[in-house]
Amino acid sequence: MVLLCRRHHRAVHEEGFRVTLDGDGNARFLRPDGRLLVAAPPPPAWTGPALEPTNRRLAASGNAIDPRTAMPAWQGERLDLDWAVSVLWQPRRKRREE
């Protein structure tokens, strides 16, 4: 058994994604076209201040960010994750056969 969130459960049952097990019992996820969906690589190692590379690029481009840069309209309500994923993720269109 593999525990999936609602979104990914639907991807398996309704969008053609597949889950298989390798010889060691580890789950492998396949795209609808059969290609392996690889795990995300680990983030690069960084030992300096957390945002130093970003701060350096911002300074070089003349951008300044402070606590008042963006005043959010968020009032503390819960994130509607299903809505957020449905807006952000769009399935690929099938390519036309030539």
Protein backbone atom coordinates (compact mmCIF):
# COMPACT_ATOMS: atom_id res chain seq x y z
CA MET A 1 0.00 0.00 0.00
CA VAL A 2 1.08 3.55 -0.69
CA LEU A 3 -0.42 6.51 1.15
CA LEU A 4 -1.30 9.30 -1.29
CA CYS A 5 -2.95 12.65 -0.77
CA ARG A 6 -6.29 13.20 -2.48
CA ARG A 7 -4.72 14.99 -5.45
CA HIS A 8 -2.19 12.27 -6.20
CA HIS A 9 -4.74 9.51 -5.58
CA ARG A 10 -6.88 11.07 -8.32
CA ALA A 11 -3.83 11.35 -10.59
CA VAL A 12 -3.38 7.58 -10.31
CA HIS A 13 -7.02 6.67 -10.81
CA GLU A 14 -8.15 9.33 -13.26
CA GLU A 15 -5.11 10.73 -15.09
CA GLY A 16 -3.09 7.66 -16.02
CA PHE A 17 -0.24 7.90 -13.53
CA ARG A 18 0.85 4.51 -12.20
CA VAL A 19 2.52 3.22 -9.05
CA THR A 20 4.67 0.08 -9.15
CA LEU A 21 7.00 -1.57 -6.65
CA ASP A 22 10.62 -2.36 -7.41
CA GLY A 23 12.39 -5.53 -6.23
CA ASP A 24 13.02 -4.03 -2.78
CA GLY A 25 9.38 -3.00 -2.32
CA ASN A 26 10.02 0.71 -2.94
CA ALA A 27 7.29 2.62 -4.76
CA ARG A 28 8.06 3.90 -8.26
CA PHE A 29 5.81 6.45 -9.91
CA LEU A 30 5.28 6.45 -13.67
CA ARG A 31 3.88 9.18 -15.89
CA PRO A 32 0.94 8.38 -18.18
CA ASP A 33 3.41 7.85 -21.06
CA GLY A 34 5.33 5.26 -18.99
CA ARG A 35 8.36 7.41 -18.17
CA LEU A 36 9.65 7.21 -14.60
CA LEU A 37 8.74 10.19 -12.43
CA VAL A 38 12.05 10.74 -10.64
CA ALA A 39 12.32 11.94 -7.06
CA ALA A 40 13.23 15.58 -6.60
CA PRO A 41 16.97 16.00 -6.05
CA PRO A 42 18.10 17.21 -2.64
CA PRO A 43 18.67 20.96 -2.35
CA PRO A 44 22.26 22.11 -2.77
CA ALA A 45 24.33 22.28 0.40
CA TRP A 46 24.61 25.77 1.87
CA THR A 47 26.43 26.68 5.07
CA GLY A 48 26.18 30.48 4.98
CA PRO A 49 23.30 32.71 6.09
CA ALA A 50 20.04 31.25 4.78
CA LEU A 51 19.14 33.96 2.26
CA GLU A 52 22.60 35.27 1.41
CA PRO A 53 22.57 34.25 -2.31
CA THR A 54 19.09 35.76 -2.76
CA ASN A 55 19.98 38.93 -0.85
CA ARG A 56 23.13 39.34 -2.98
CA ARG A 57 21.15 39.02 -6.25
CA LEU A 58 18.51 41.47 -5.00
CA ALA A 59 21.14 44.01 -3.97
CA ALA A 60 22.92 43.66 -7.33
CA SER A 61 19.65 44.32 -9.18
CA GLY A 62 18.77 47.32 -7.00
CA ASN A 63 15.75 45.69 -5.34
CA ALA A 64 15.10 46.16 -1.65
CA ILE A 65 12.74 43.97 0.37
CA ASP A 66 11.66 44.84 3.89
CA PRO A 67 8.76 43.80 6.16
CA ARG A 68 6.49 46.33 4.42
CA THR A 69 7.25 45.26 0.83
CA ALA A 70 4.04 43.26 0.45
CA MET A 71 1.05 43.73 2.68
CA PRO A 72 -0.77 40.39 2.50
CA ALA A 73 -4.55 40.18 2.34
CA TRP A 74 -4.43 36.88 4.20
CA GLN A 75 -6.56 36.87 7.34
CA GLY A 76 -5.34 33.58 8.81
CA GLU A 77 -7.90 31.31 7.15
CA ARG A 78 -6.87 27.75 6.26
CA LEU A 79 -5.29 27.13 2.87
CA ASP A 80 -7.64 25.37 0.46
CA LEU A 81 -4.97 22.95 -0.74
CA ASP A 82 -7.19 21.18 -3.26
CA TRP A 83 -8.00 24.51 -4.92
CA ALA A 84 -4.35 25.65 -4.86
CA VAL A 85 -3.09 22.45 -6.49
CA SER A 86 -5.87 22.47 -9.10
CA VAL A 87 -4.95 26.04 -10.07
CA LEU A 88 -1.19 25.45 -10.17
CA TRP A 89 -1.00 22.01 -11.79
CA GLN A 90 -2.18 21.54 -15.33
CA PRO A 91 -1.88 18.17 -17.11
CA ARG A 92 0.18 18.13 -20.27
CA ARG A 93 -1.66 18.12 -23.54
CA LYS A 94 -1.07 15.05 -25.64
CA ARG A 95 1.15 15.68 -28.62
CA ARG A 96 -0.38 15.24 -32.01
CA GLU A 97 0.94 12.23 -33.88
CA GLU A 98 2.66 13.29 -37.11
